[in-house]
PDB file of N, CA and C in Angstrom:
ATOM      1  N   MET A   1      47.596 104.967 148.512  1.00  0.00           N
ATOM      2  CA  MET A   1      48.188 105.721 148.054  1.00  0.00           C
ATOM      3  C   MET A   1      49.771 105.762 148.907  1.00  0.00           C
ATOM      4  N   ALA A   2      50.722 105.112 148.211  1.00  0.00           N
ATOM      5  CA  ALA A   2      51.988 105.586 148.940  1.00  0.00           C
ATOM      6  C   ALA A   2      52.737 107.005 148.730  1.00  0.00           C
ATOM      7  N   THR A   3      53.274 107.137 149.593  1.00  0.00           N
ATOM      8  CA  THR A   3      53.796 108.455 149.949  1.00  0.00           C
ATOM      9  C   THR A   3      55.866 108.161 149.161  1.00  0.00           C
ATOM     10  N   THR A   4      56.046 108.833 148.662  1.00  0.00           N
ATOM     11  CA  THR A   4      57.379 108.383 147.893  1.00  0.00           C
ATOM     12  C   THR A   4      58.159 110.194 148.700  1.00  0.00           C
ATOM     13  N   LEU A   5      59.428 110.111 149.061  1.00  0.00           N
ATOM     14  CA  LEU A   5      60.050 111.271 149.939  1.00  0.00           C
ATOM     15  C   LEU A   5      61.570 111.051 149.540  1.00  0.00           C
ATOM     16  N   THR A   6      61.496 112.331 148.734  1.00  0.00           N
ATOM     17  CA  THR A   6      63.069 112.300 148.121  1.00  0.00           C
ATOM     18  C   THR A   6      63.794 113.321 148.748  1.00  0.00           C
ATOM     19  N   GLN A   7      64.924 113.024 148.832  1.00  0.00           N
ATOM     20  CA  GLN A   7      65.917 114.185 149.575  1.00  0.00           C
ATOM     21  C   GLN A   7      66.523 114.700 148.580  1.00  0.00           C
ATOM     22  N   ASP A   8      67.436 116.154 148.544  1.00  0.00           N
ATOM     23  CA  ASP A   8      67.888 117.131 147.974  1.00  0.00           C
ATOM     24  C   ASP A   8      69.487 116.327 148.036  1.00  0.00           C
ATOM     25  N   ARG A   9      70.043 116.107 147.382  1.00  0.00           N
ATOM     26  CA  ARG A   9      71.691 115.122 146.785  1.00  0.00           C
ATOM     27  C   ARG A   9      72.810 116.518 147.228  1.00  0.00           C
ATOM     28  N   GLN A  10      71.994 117.547 146.598  1.00  0.00           N
ATOM     29  CA  GLN A  10      72.790 118.616 147.886  1.00  0.00           C
ATOM     30  C   GLN A  10      72.873 119.144 149.027  1.00  0.00           C
ATOM     31  N   THR A  11      72.547 118.441 149.921  1.00  0.00           N
ATOM     32  CA  THR A  11      72.876 118.269 151.505  1.00  0.00           C
ATOM     33  C   THR A  11      74.095 118.332 151.852  1.00  0.00           C
ATOM     34  N   THR A  12      74.163 119.274 152.850  1.00  0.00           N
ATOM     35  CA  THR A  12      75.091 119.656 154.075  1.00  0.00           C
ATOM     36  C   THR A  12      75.988 118.349 153.298  1.00  0.00           C
ATOM     37  N   ALA A  13      77.230 118.086 152.981  1.00  0.00           N
ATOM     38  CA  ALA A  13      78.032 116.955 153.311  1.00  0.00           C
ATOM     39  C   ALA A  13      77.280 116.016 152.840  1.00  0.00           C
ATOM     40  N   HIS A  14      76.787 115.698 152.027  1.00  0.00           N
ATOM     41  CA  HIS A  14      76.312 115.168 151.138  1.00  0.00           C
ATOM     42  C   HIS A  14      77.284 114.088 149.995  1.00  0.00           C
ATOM     43  N   TYR A  15      78.210 114.642 149.940  1.00  0.00           N
ATOM     44  CA  TYR A  15      79.287 113.835 149.193  1.00  0.00           C
ATOM     45  C   TYR A  15      80.080 113.677 149.647  1.00  0.00           C
ATOM     46  N   ILE A  16      80.455 113.386 151.144  1.00  0.00           N
ATOM     47  CA  ILE A  16      81.682 112.687 151.886  1.00  0.00           C
ATOM     48  C   ILE A  16      80.618 111.409 151.877  1.00  0.00           C
ATOM     49  N   LYS A  17      82.288 110.616 152.016  1.00  0.00           N
ATOM     50  CA  LYS A  17      82.505 109.240 151.877  1.00  0.00           C
ATOM     51  C   LYS A  17      82.675 108.786 153.590  1.00  0.00           C
ATOM     52  N   SER A  18      84.417 109.394 153.974  1.00  0.00           N
ATOM     53  CA  SER A  18      84.502 109.648 155.105  1.00  0.00           C
ATOM     54  C   SER A  18      85.556 110.040 155.276  1.00  0.00           C
ATOM     55  N   GLU A  19      85.308 110.718 156.507  1.00  0.00           N
ATOM     56  CA  GLU A  19      86.193 111.906 156.422  1.00  0.00           C
ATOM     57  C   GLU A  19      87.307 111.655 158.380  1.00  0.00           C
ATOM     58  N   SER A  20      88.188 112.386 158.658  1.00  0.00           N
ATOM     59  CA  SER A  20      89.297 112.280 159.595  1.00  0.00           C
ATOM     60  C   SER A  20      87.931 112.376 161.080  1.00  0.00           C
ATOM     61  N   ASN A  21      88.969 111.760 162.321  1.00  0.00           N
ATOM     62  CA  ASN A  21      87.854 112.079 163.695  1.00  0.00           C
ATOM     63  C   ASN A  21      88.263 114.006 163.727  1.00  0.00           C
ATOM     64  N   MET A  22      87.043 114.620 164.693  1.00  0.00           N
ATOM     65  CA  MET A  22      87.356 115.444 165.407  1.00  0.00           C
ATOM     66  C   MET A  22      87.072 116.553 164.238  1.00  0.00           C
ATOM     67  N   ASP A  23      86.723 116.588 163.123  1.00  0.00           N
ATOM     68  CA  ASP A  23      86.647 117.773 162.085  1.00  0.00           C
ATOM     69  C   ASP A  23      88.091 117.791 161.141  1.00  0.00           C
ATOM     70  N   ARG A  24      89.090 116.714 161.669  1.00  0.00           N
ATOM     71  CA  ARG A  24      90.715 117.352 161.320  1.00  0.00           C
ATOM     72  C   ARG A  24      90.417 118.386 159.980  1.00  0.00           C
ATOM     73  N   SER A  25      89.485 117.312 159.059  1.00  0.00           N
ATOM     74  CA  SER A  25      89.446 117.011 157.665  1.00  0.00           C
ATOM     75  C   SER A  25      88.824 118.849 156.902  1.00  0.00           C
ATOM     76  N   ARG A  26      88.456 119.126 158.096  1.00  0.00           N
ATOM     77  CA  ARG A  26      87.266 120.571 157.784  1.00  0.00           C
ATOM     78  C   ARG A  26      88.248 122.125 158.362  1.00  0.00           C
ATOM     79  N   GLU A  27      87.669 123.286 157.601  1.00  0.00           N
ATOM     80  CA  GLU A  27      88.697 124.240 157.365  1.00  0.00           C
ATOM     81  C   GLU A  27      87.757 125.402 157.042  1.00  0.00           C
ATOM     82  N   ALA A  28      87.203 125.874 157.836  1.00  0.00           N
ATOM     83  CA  ALA A  28      86.556 127.553 157.926  1.00  0.00           C
ATOM     84  C   ALA A  28      87.353 128.212 157.057  1.00  0.00           C
ATOM     85  N   VAL A  29      86.485 128.466 155.870  1.00  0.00           N
ATOM     86  CA  VAL A  29      87.372 129.387 154.961  1.00  0.00           C
ATOM     87  C   VAL A  29      86.066 130.494 153.937  1.00  0.00           C
ATOM     88  N   VAL A  30      86.610 131.846 153.534  1.00  0.00           N
ATOM     89  CA  VAL A  30      85.630 132.781 152.930  1.00  0.00           C
ATOM     90  C   VAL A  30      85.932 132.354 151.286  1.00  0.00           C
ATOM     91  N   ILE A  31      84.404 132.850 151.372  1.00  0.00           N
ATOM     92  CA  ILE A  31      84.001 132.201 149.718  1.00  0.00           C
ATOM     93  C   ILE A  31      83.733 133.729 148.691  1.00  0.00           C
ATOM     94  N   ALA A  32      84.712 134.017 147.667  1.00  0.00           N
ATOM     95  CA  ALA A  32      85.036 135.460 147.149  1.00  0.00           C
ATOM     96  C   ALA A  32      83.265 135.508 146.618  1.00  0.00           C
ATOM     97  N   SER A  33      83.041 136.979 146.864  1.00  0.00           N
ATOM     98  CA  SER A  33      81.859 137.935 146.172  1.00  0.00           C
ATOM     99  C   SER A  33      82.049 137.453 144.935  1.00  0.00           C
ATOM    100  N   GLY A  34      81.024 137.109 144.172  1.00  0.00           N
ATOM    101  CA  GLY A  34      80.661 136.711 143.258  1.00  0.00           C
ATOM    102  C   GLY A  34      80.962 135.383 142.851  1.00  0.00           C
ATOM    103  N   ALA A  35      80.990 134.517 143.461  1.00  0.00           N
ATOM    104  CA  ALA A  35      81.190 133.357 143.301  1.00  0.00           C
ATOM    105  C   ALA A  35      80.191 132.252 142.744  1.00  0.00           C
ATOM    106  N   GLY A  36      79.114 133.240 143.318  1.00  0.00           N
ATOM    107  CA  GLY A  36      77.621 132.818 142.927  1.00  0.00           C
ATOM    108  C   GLY A  36      76.789 132.320 143.840  1.00  0.00           C
ATOM    109  N   ILE A  37      75.979 131.243 143.657  1.00  0.00           N
ATOM    110  CA  ILE A  37      75.084 130.474 144.209  1.00  0.00           C
ATOM    111  C   ILE A  37      75.688 129.255 144.312  1.00  0.00           C
ATOM    112  N   LEU A  38      76.281 128.574 145.356  1.00  0.00           N
ATOM    113  CA  LEU A  38      77.153 127.505 145.063  1.00  0.00           C
ATOM    114  C   LEU A  38      76.891 126.421 145.839  1.00  0.00           C
ATOM    115  N   LYS A  39      76.981 125.090 145.506  1.00  0.00           N
ATOM    116  CA  LYS A  39      75.687 123.892 146.476  1.00  0.00           C
ATOM    117  C   LYS A  39      76.951 123.332 147.164  1.00  0.00           C
ATOM    118  N   ALA A  40      76.283 122.566 148.515  1.00  0.00           N
ATOM    119  CA  ALA A  40      77.547 121.316 148.711  1.00  0.00           C
ATOM    120  C   ALA A  40      78.261 120.089 147.623  1.00  0.00           C
ATOM    121  N   GLY A  41      79.556 120.175 148.383  1.00  0.00           N
ATOM    122  CA  GLY A  41      79.936 119.692 147.372  1.00  0.00           C
ATOM    123  C   GLY A  41      80.537 119.742 145.781  1.00  0.00           C
ATOM    124  N   THR A  42      80.933 121.418 146.117  1.00  0.00           N
ATOM    125  CA  THR A  42      81.104 122.131 144.834  1.00  0.00           C
ATOM    126  C   THR A  42      82.896 122.110 145.145  1.00  0.00           C
ATOM    127  N   VAL A  43      83.545 121.960 143.820  1.00  0.00           N
ATOM    128  CA  VAL A  43      85.181 122.037 144.182  1.00  0.00           C
ATOM    129  C   VAL A  43      85.310 122.729 143.934  1.00  0.00           C
ATOM    130  N   LEU A  44      86.533 123.542 144.656  1.00  0.00           N
ATOM    131  CA  LEU A  44      86.774 124.998 145.446  1.00  0.00           C
ATOM    132  C   LEU A  44      87.988 125.240 145.021  1.00  0.00           C
ATOM    133  N   GLY A  45      88.692 126.300 144.131  1.00  0.00           N
ATOM    134  CA  GLY A  45      90.327 126.369 144.102  1.00  0.00           C
ATOM    135  C   GLY A  45      90.371 127.722 145.174  1.00  0.00           C
ATOM    136  N   GLN A  46      91.317 128.495 145.224  1.00  0.00           N
ATOM    137  CA  GLN A  46      91.787 129.400 145.921  1.00  0.00           C
ATOM    138  C   GLN A  46      92.658 130.666 145.221  1.00  0.00           C
ATOM    139  N   ILE A  47      91.863 131.724 145.341  1.00  0.00           N
ATOM    140  CA  ILE A  47      92.465 133.142 144.655  1.00  0.00           C
ATOM    141  C   ILE A  47      93.905 133.252 145.227  1.00  0.00           C
ATOM    142  N   THR A  48      94.835 132.773 144.555  1.00  0.00           N
ATOM    143  CA  THR A  48      96.049 133.441 145.431  1.00  0.00           C
ATOM    144  C   THR A  48      96.094 134.786 146.040  1.00  0.00           C
ATOM    145  N   ALA A  49      95.706 135.834 145.421  1.00  0.00           N
ATOM    146  CA  ALA A  49      95.924 137.340 145.867  1.00  0.00           C
ATOM    147  C   ALA A  49      95.242 137.713 147.062  1.00  0.00           C
ATOM    148  N   SER A  50      93.840 136.751 146.694  1.00  0.00           N
ATOM    149  CA  SER A  50      92.920 137.104 147.971  1.00  0.00           C
ATOM    150  C   SER A  50      92.891 136.278 149.338  1.00  0.00           C
ATOM    151  N   LYS A  51      93.524 135.121 148.672  1.00  0.00           N
ATOM    152  CA  LYS A  51      93.310 133.894 150.033  1.00  0.00           C
ATOM    153  C   LYS A  51      91.910 133.210 149.950  1.00  0.00           C
ATOM    154  N   LYS A  52      90.838 134.017 149.506  1.00  0.00           N
ATOM    155  CA  LYS A  52      89.449 133.403 149.223  1.00  0.00           C
ATOM    156  C   LYS A  52      89.463 132.478 147.998  1.00  0.00           C
ATOM    157  N   TYR A  53      88.069 131.743 148.644  1.00  0.00           N
ATOM    158  CA  TYR A  53      87.545 130.671 147.291  1.00  0.00           C
ATOM    159  C   TYR A  53      86.929 130.625 146.848  1.00  0.00           C
ATOM    160  N   THR A  54      86.861 129.923 145.322  1.00  0.00           N
ATOM    161  CA  THR A  54      85.415 130.300 144.098  1.00  0.00           C
ATOM    162  C   THR A  54      85.667 128.876 144.101  1.00  0.00           C
ATOM    163  N   ILE A  55      84.353 128.846 143.023  1.00  0.00           N
ATOM    164  CA  ILE A  55      84.416 127.809 142.492  1.00  0.00           C
ATOM    165  C   ILE A  55      85.540 127.297 141.799  1.00  0.00           C
ATOM    166  N   HIS A  56      86.748 126.163 141.553  1.00  0.00           N
ATOM    167  CA  HIS A  56      87.495 125.962 140.744  1.00  0.00           C
ATOM    168  C   HIS A  56      86.907 125.829 139.171  1.00  0.00           C
ATOM    169  N   ASP A  57      87.966 126.282 138.250  1.00  0.00           N
ATOM    170  CA  ASP A  57      88.027 126.714 136.829  1.00  0.00           C
ATOM    171  C   ASP A  57      88.948 126.380 136.395  1.00  0.00           C
ATOM    172  N   PRO A  58      90.090 125.275 135.731  1.00  0.00           N
ATOM    173  CA  PRO A  58      90.828 124.992 135.029  1.00  0.00           C
ATOM    174  C   PRO A  58      91.418 126.171 134.245  1.00  0.00           C
ATOM    175  N   ALA A  59      90.401 126.893 133.550  1.00  0.00           N
ATOM    176  CA  ALA A  59      91.049 128.014 132.591  1.00  0.00           C
ATOM    177  C   ALA A  59      91.017 129.312 133.210  1.00  0.00           C
ATOM    178  N   ALA A  60      90.677 129.365 134.394  1.00  0.00           N
ATOM    179  CA  ALA A  60      91.231 130.760 134.898  1.00  0.00           C
ATOM    180  C   ALA A  60      93.255 131.203 135.254  1.00  0.00           C
ATOM    181  N   GLU A  61      92.834 131.959 135.845  1.00  0.00           N
ATOM    182  CA  GLU A  61      94.409 132.009 136.323  1.00  0.00           C
ATOM    183  C   GLU A  61      94.922 133.078 136.677  1.00  0.00           C
ATOM    184  N   ASP A  62      93.930 132.980 138.268  1.00  0.00           N
ATOM    185  CA  ASP A  62      94.482 133.435 139.510  1.00  0.00           C
ATOM    186  C   ASP A  62      94.922 132.543 140.614  1.00  0.00           C
ATOM    187  N   GLY A  63      95.134 131.411 140.391  1.00  0.00           N
ATOM    188  CA  GLY A  63      94.878 130.322 141.531  1.00  0.00           C
ATOM    189  C   GLY A  63      94.019 129.655 141.564  1.00  0.00           C
ATOM    190  N   SER A  64      92.437 130.188 140.920  1.00  0.00           N
ATOM    191  CA  SER A  64      91.664 129.152 141.620  1.00  0.00           C
ATOM    192  C   SER A  64      91.817 127.684 140.397  1.00  0.00           C
ATOM    193  N   GLU A  65      92.723 127.658 139.570  1.00  0.00           N
ATOM    194  CA  GLU A  65      92.788 126.944 138.380  1.00  0.00           C
ATOM    195  C   GLU A  65      93.504 125.769 138.666  1.00  0.00           C
ATOM    196  N   THR A  66      93.194 125.531 139.942  1.00  0.00           N
ATOM    197  CA  THR A  66      93.631 124.743 140.971  1.00  0.00           C
ATOM    198  C   THR A  66      93.025 123.738 142.260  1.00  0.00           C
ATOM    199  N   ALA A  67      92.606 122.938 142.258  1.00  0.00           N
ATOM    200  CA  ALA A  67      91.450 122.580 143.097  1.00  0.00           C
ATOM    201  C   ALA A  67      91.763 122.545 144.204  1.00  0.00           C
ATOM    202  N   ARG A  68      91.442 122.917 145.535  1.00  0.00           N
ATOM    203  CA  ARG A  68      91.969 122.921 146.834  1.00  0.00           C
ATOM    204  C   ARG A  68      90.813 122.452 147.822  1.00  0.00           C
ATOM    205  N   ALA A  69      90.085 122.488 147.746  1.00  0.00           N
ATOM    206  CA  ALA A  69      88.899 121.985 148.825  1.00  0.00           C
ATOM    207  C   ALA A  69      87.668 121.604 148.228  1.00  0.00           C
ATOM    208  N   VAL A  70      86.459 121.094 149.047  1.00  0.00           N
ATOM    209  CA  VAL A  70      85.364 121.129 148.651  1.00  0.00           C
ATOM    210  C   VAL A  70      84.628 121.390 149.570  1.00  0.00           C
ATOM    211  N   LEU A  71      83.345 122.144 148.507  1.00  0.00           N
ATOM    212  CA  LEU A  71      82.412 123.159 149.592  1.00  0.00           C
ATOM    213  C   LEU A  71      81.463 121.876 150.586  1.00  0.00           C
ATOM    214  N   PHE A  72      81.479 122.075 152.270  1.00  0.00           N
ATOM    215  CA  PHE A  72      80.518 121.155 152.893  1.00  0.00           C
ATOM    216  C   PHE A  72      79.289 121.277 152.827  1.00  0.00           C
ATOM    217  N   GLU A  73      79.038 123.235 152.820  1.00  0.00           N
ATOM    218  CA  GLU A  73      77.759 123.761 152.489  1.00  0.00           C
ATOM    219  C   GLU A  73      77.828 124.295 152.007  1.00  0.00           C
ATOM    220  N   GLY A  74      76.249 125.065 151.302  1.00  0.00           N
ATOM    221  CA  GLY A  74      75.830 125.385 149.853  1.00  0.00           C
ATOM    222  C   GLY A  74      76.100 126.861 150.556  1.00  0.00           C
ATOM    223  N   CYS A  75      75.792 127.584 149.601  1.00  0.00           N
ATOM    224  CA  CYS A  75      75.894 128.641 150.107  1.00  0.00           C
ATOM    225  C   CYS A  75      75.520 130.283 148.510  1.00  0.00           C
ATOM    226  N   ASP A  76      75.289 131.620 149.557  1.00  0.00           N
ATOM    227  CA  ASP A  76      75.150 132.293 148.190  1.00  0.00           C
ATOM    228  C   ASP A  76      75.748 133.174 148.534  1.00  0.00           C
ATOM    229  N   ALA A  77      77.466 133.761 147.035  1.00  0.00           N
ATOM    230  CA  ALA A  77      78.193 134.330 147.706  1.00  0.00           C
ATOM    231  C   ALA A  77      78.468 135.340 146.133  1.00  0.00           C
ATOM    232  N   THR A  78      76.745 135.624 145.747  1.00  0.00           N
ATOM    233  CA  THR A  78      76.730 136.601 144.291  1.00  0.00           C
ATOM    234  C   THR A  78      77.204 137.999 144.915  1.00  0.00           C
ATOM    235  N   ASP A  79      77.138 138.550 145.611  1.00  0.00           N
ATOM    236  CA  ASP A  79      77.127 139.545 146.201  1.00  0.00           C
ATOM    237  C   ASP A  79      78.262 140.046 147.781  1.00  0.00           C
ATOM    238  N   VAL A  80      78.217 139.199 148.409  1.00  0.00           N
ATOM    239  CA  VAL A  80      79.090 139.603 149.048  1.00  0.00           C
ATOM    240  C   VAL A  80      79.737 138.161 149.565  1.00  0.00           C
ATOM    241  N   ASP A  81      81.019 138.633 150.211  1.00  0.00           N
ATOM    242  CA  ASP A  81      81.350 137.409 150.852  1.00  0.00           C
ATOM    243  C   ASP A  81      81.251 136.304 151.652  1.00  0.00           C
ATOM    244  N   VAL A  82      81.009 135.123 152.119  1.00  0.00           N
ATOM    245  CA  VAL A  82      80.539 134.303 152.730  1.00  0.00           C
ATOM    246  C   VAL A  82      81.634 134.019 153.764  1.00  0.00           C
ATOM    247  N   ARG A  83      81.314 133.356 154.623  1.00  0.00           N
ATOM    248  CA  ARG A  83      82.226 131.981 155.297  1.00  0.00           C
ATOM    249  C   ARG A  83      81.802 130.866 155.262  1.00  0.00           C
ATOM    250  N   ARG A  84      82.302 129.784 154.695  1.00  0.00           N
ATOM    251  CA  ARG A  84      81.444 128.465 154.955  1.00  0.00           C
ATOM    252  C   ARG A  84      82.995 126.901 155.370  1.00  0.00           C
ATOM    253  N   THR A  85      82.494 126.321 155.785  1.00  0.00           N
ATOM    254  CA  THR A  85      83.546 125.779 155.741  1.00  0.00           C
ATOM    255  C   THR A  85      83.905 124.474 154.904  1.00  0.00           C
ATOM    256  N   VAL A  86      84.910 124.065 154.492  1.00  0.00           N
ATOM    257  CA  VAL A  86      84.881 123.103 153.138  1.00  0.00           C
ATOM    258  C   VAL A  86      85.864 121.903 153.986  1.00  0.00           C
ATOM    259  N   THR A  87      85.661 120.819 152.648  1.00  0.00           N
ATOM    260  CA  THR A  87      86.679 119.756 153.530  1.00  0.00           C
ATOM    261  C   THR A  87      88.411 120.455 152.693  1.00  0.00           C
ATOM    262  N   ALA A  88      88.888 120.168 153.750  1.00  0.00           N
ATOM    263  CA  ALA A  88      90.221 120.272 153.211  1.00  0.00           C
ATOM    264  C   ALA A  88      91.523 120.073 152.998  1.00  0.00           C
ATOM    265  N   ARG A  89      91.262 118.527 153.695  1.00  0.00           N
ATOM    266  CA  ARG A  89      92.349 117.235 154.281  1.00  0.00           C
ATOM    267  C   ARG A  89      91.459 116.069 154.603  1.00  0.00           C
ATOM    268  N   ASP A  90      92.043 115.006 153.757  1.00  0.00           N
ATOM    269  CA  ASP A  90      91.860 113.902 155.224  1.00  0.00           C
ATOM    270  C   ASP A  90      90.682 113.232 154.922  1.00  0.00           C
ATOM    271  N   ALA A  91      89.891 113.156 154.006  1.00  0.00           N
ATOM    272  CA  ALA A  91      88.448 112.841 153.367  1.00  0.00           C
ATOM    273  C   ALA A  91      88.252 111.712 152.111  1.00  0.00           C
ATOM    274  N   GLU A  92      87.016 110.816 152.210  1.00  0.00           N
ATOM    275  CA  GLU A  92      86.922 110.066 151.589  1.00  0.00           C
ATOM    276  C   GLU A  92      85.781 110.921 150.850  1.00  0.00           C
ATOM    277  N   VAL A  93      85.390 111.323 149.278  1.00  0.00           N
ATOM    278  CA  VAL A  93      84.279 111.982 148.811  1.00  0.00           C
ATOM    279  C   VAL A  93      84.167 110.806 147.363  1.00  0.00           C
ATOM    280  N   VAL A  94      82.766 110.982 147.596  1.00  0.00           N
ATOM    281  CA  VAL A  94      81.835 109.993 146.457  1.00  0.00           C
ATOM    282  C   VAL A  94      81.971 111.029 145.241  1.00  0.00           C
ATOM    283  N   ALA A  95      83.058 110.659 144.171  1.00  0.00           N
ATOM    284  CA  ALA A  95      83.396 111.091 142.594  1.00  0.00           C
ATOM    285  C   ALA A  95      81.998 112.109 142.390  1.00  0.00           C
ATOM    286  N   GLU A  96      80.430 110.709 141.747  1.00  0.00           N
ATOM    287  CA  GLU A  96      79.431 111.238 141.532  1.00  0.00           C
ATOM    288  C   GLU A  96      78.573 112.760 142.069  1.00  0.00           C
ATOM    289  N   ALA A  97      79.241 112.747 142.823  1.00  0.00           N
ATOM    290  CA  ALA A  97      78.348 113.612 143.907  1.00  0.00           C
ATOM    291  C   ALA A  97      78.930 115.024 143.819  1.00  0.00           C
ATOM    292  N   LEU A  98      80.237 114.919 143.513  1.00  0.00           N
ATOM    293  CA  LEU A  98      80.481 116.573 142.962  1.00  0.00           C
ATOM    294  C   LEU A  98      80.203 117.605 142.145  1.00  0.00           C
ATOM    295  N   ASN A  99      80.226 119.025 142.474  1.00  0.00           N
ATOM    296  CA  ASN A  99      79.433 120.118 141.432  1.00  0.00           C
ATOM    297  C   ASN A  99      80.984 120.651 141.147  1.00  0.00           C
ATOM    298  N   TRP A 100      80.559 120.694 139.619  1.00  0.00           N
ATOM    299  CA  TRP A 100      82.127 121.278 138.980  1.00  0.00           C
ATOM    300  C   TRP A 100      81.461 122.960 137.997  1.00  0.00           C
ATOM    301  N   VAL A 101      82.211 123.651 137.370  1.00  0.00           N
ATOM    302  CA  VAL A 101      82.376 124.285 136.795  1.00  0.00           C
ATOM    303  C   VAL A 101      81.638 123.524 135.648  1.00  0.00           C
ATOM    304  N   ASP A 102      80.735 124.860 135.431  1.00  0.00           N
ATOM    305  CA  ASP A 102      79.872 124.198 133.920  1.00  0.00           C
ATOM    306  C   ASP A 102      80.852 124.048 132.509  1.00  0.00           C
ATOM    307  N   GLY A 103      80.788 123.156 131.659  1.00  0.00           N
ATOM    308  CA  GLY A 103      81.455 122.549 131.122  1.00  0.00           C
ATOM    309  C   GLY A 103      82.939 122.239 131.188  1.00  0.00           C
ATOM    310  N   ILE A 104      83.628 121.840 132.017  1.00  0.00           N
ATOM    311  CA  ILE A 104      84.301 121.264 132.367  1.00  0.00           C
ATOM    312  C   ILE A 104      84.980 120.092 131.918  1.00  0.00           C
ATOM    313  N   SER A 105      86.029 119.505 131.397  1.00  0.00           N
ATOM    314  CA  SER A 105      86.157 118.248 130.506  1.00  0.00           C
ATOM    315  C   SER A 105      86.423 117.144 131.361  1.00  0.00           C
ATOM    316  N   ASP A 106      86.358 115.812 131.359  1.00  0.00           N
ATOM    317  CA  ASP A 106      86.674 114.543 131.911  1.00  0.00           C
ATOM    318  C   ASP A 106      88.039 114.933 132.629  1.00  0.00           C
ATOM    319  N   ASN A 107      89.194 115.578 131.338  1.00  0.00           N
ATOM    320  CA  ASN A 107      90.250 115.815 131.599  1.00  0.00           C
ATOM    321  C   ASN A 107      90.940 116.927 132.637  1.00  0.00           C
ATOM    322  N   ASP A 108      89.790 117.854 132.775  1.00  0.00           N
ATOM    323  CA  ASP A 108      90.166 118.424 133.801  1.00  0.00           C
ATOM    324  C   ASP A 108      89.666 118.617 134.872  1.00  0.00           C
ATOM    325  N   LYS A 109      88.887 117.680 134.980  1.00  0.00           N
ATOM    326  CA  LYS A 109      88.313 116.911 136.474  1.00  0.00           C
ATOM    327  C   LYS A 109      89.470 115.854 137.057  1.00  0.00           C
ATOM    328  N   ASN A 110      89.773 114.904 136.371  1.00  0.00           N
ATOM    329  CA  ASN A 110      91.251 113.966 136.817  1.00  0.00           C
ATOM    330  C   ASN A 110      91.981 114.678 137.111  1.00  0.00           C
ATOM    331  N   THR A 111      92.582 116.094 136.649  1.00  0.00           N
ATOM    332  CA  THR A 111      93.710 116.900 136.828  1.00  0.00           C
ATOM    333  C   THR A 111      93.342 117.377 138.523  1.00  0.00           C
ATOM    334  N   ALA A 112      91.598 117.947 138.507  1.00  0.00           N
ATOM    335  CA  ALA A 112      91.051 118.704 139.831  1.00  0.00           C
ATOM    336  C   ALA A 112      90.865 117.550 140.691  1.00  0.00           C
ATOM    337  N   LEU A 113      90.944 116.422 140.610  1.00  0.00           N
ATOM    338  CA  LEU A 113      90.557 115.012 141.214  1.00  0.00           C
ATOM    339  C   LEU A 113      92.449 114.488 141.815  1.00  0.00           C
ATOM    340  N   ALA A 114      93.626 114.823 140.961  1.00  0.00           N
ATOM    341  CA  ALA A 114      94.184 114.642 141.579  1.00  0.00           C
ATOM    342  C   ALA A 114      95.486 115.638 142.740  1.00  0.00           C
ATOM    343  N   ALA A 115      94.675 116.944 141.970  1.00  0.00           N
ATOM    344  CA  ALA A 115      95.279 117.699 143.007  1.00  0.00           C
ATOM    345  C   ALA A 115      94.713 117.713 144.383  1.00  0.00           C
ATOM    346  N   LEU A 116      93.162 117.255 144.185  1.00  0.00           N
ATOM    347  CA  LEU A 116      92.734 116.932 145.598  1.00  0.00           C
ATOM    348  C   LEU A 116      92.968 115.742 146.771  1.00  0.00           C
ATOM    349  N   ALA A 117      93.548 114.589 145.225  1.00  0.00           N
ATOM    350  CA  ALA A 117      93.984 113.418 146.236  1.00  0.00           C
ATOM    351  C   ALA A 117      95.676 113.491 146.738  1.00  0.00           C
ATOM    352  N   ALA A 118      96.209 114.752 146.344  1.00  0.00           N
ATOM    353  CA  ALA A 118      97.171 114.893 146.962  1.00  0.00           C
ATOM    354  C   ALA A 118      97.323 115.949 148.055  1.00  0.00           C
ATOM    355  N   LEU A 119      96.413 116.769 148.454  1.00  0.00           N
ATOM    356  CA  LEU A 119      95.314 116.925 150.301  1.00  0.00           C
ATOM    357  C   LEU A 119      94.779 115.628 150.952  1.00  0.00           C
ATOM    358  N   GLY A 120      95.018 114.714 149.798  1.00  0.00           N
ATOM    359  CA  GLY A 120      94.541 113.597 150.952  1.00  0.00           C
ATOM    360  C   GLY A 120      92.753 113.639 150.896  1.00  0.00           C
ATOM    361  N   ILE A 121      92.361 113.900 150.139  1.00  0.00           N
ATOM    362  CA  ILE A 121      90.829 113.938 150.012  1.00  0.00           C
ATOM    363  C   ILE A 121      91.289 113.141 148.676  1.00  0.00           C
ATOM    364  N   ILE A 122      90.052 112.038 148.681  1.00  0.00           N
ATOM    365  CA  ILE A 122      90.193 110.687 147.416  1.00  0.00           C
ATOM    366  C   ILE A 122      88.909 110.444 146.979  1.00  0.00           C
ATOM    367  N   ALA A 123      88.704 110.607 146.098  1.00  0.00           N
ATOM    368  CA  ALA A 123      87.869 110.735 145.085  1.00  0.00           C
ATOM    369  C   ALA A 123      87.459 108.784 144.461  1.00  0.00           C
ATOM    370  N   ARG A 124      86.131 108.500 145.358  1.00  0.00           N
ATOM    371  CA  ARG A 124      86.083 107.099 145.403  1.00  0.00           C
ATOM    372  C   ARG A 124      84.985 106.790 144.416  1.00  0.00           C
TER     373      ARG A 124
END
């Protein structure tokens, strides 16, 4: 009997197609308490007042309505702030591997992908 091995598609950095040398694409940020359990590849926005990151939500009005980064590794920021690495610039990502807020429309995804592209994060 053959054994089939499967890999969780939500592993650290699974969404990266390519990035700049010497970790230039990455940045350490704080994920805000209350963001919940986030998987690697989650598109993030930055809360203007606190400068902390949370899941990008086009319906928000706190700064997180603009896509600013992609979460490099998963985390649980349900009850506490968590420091994590993000892809912040100069990278190619696999569009189908990105995670989004529930219910996001294709139009809002396209707007977010354009915002990421302006930072040099290109979805392929």
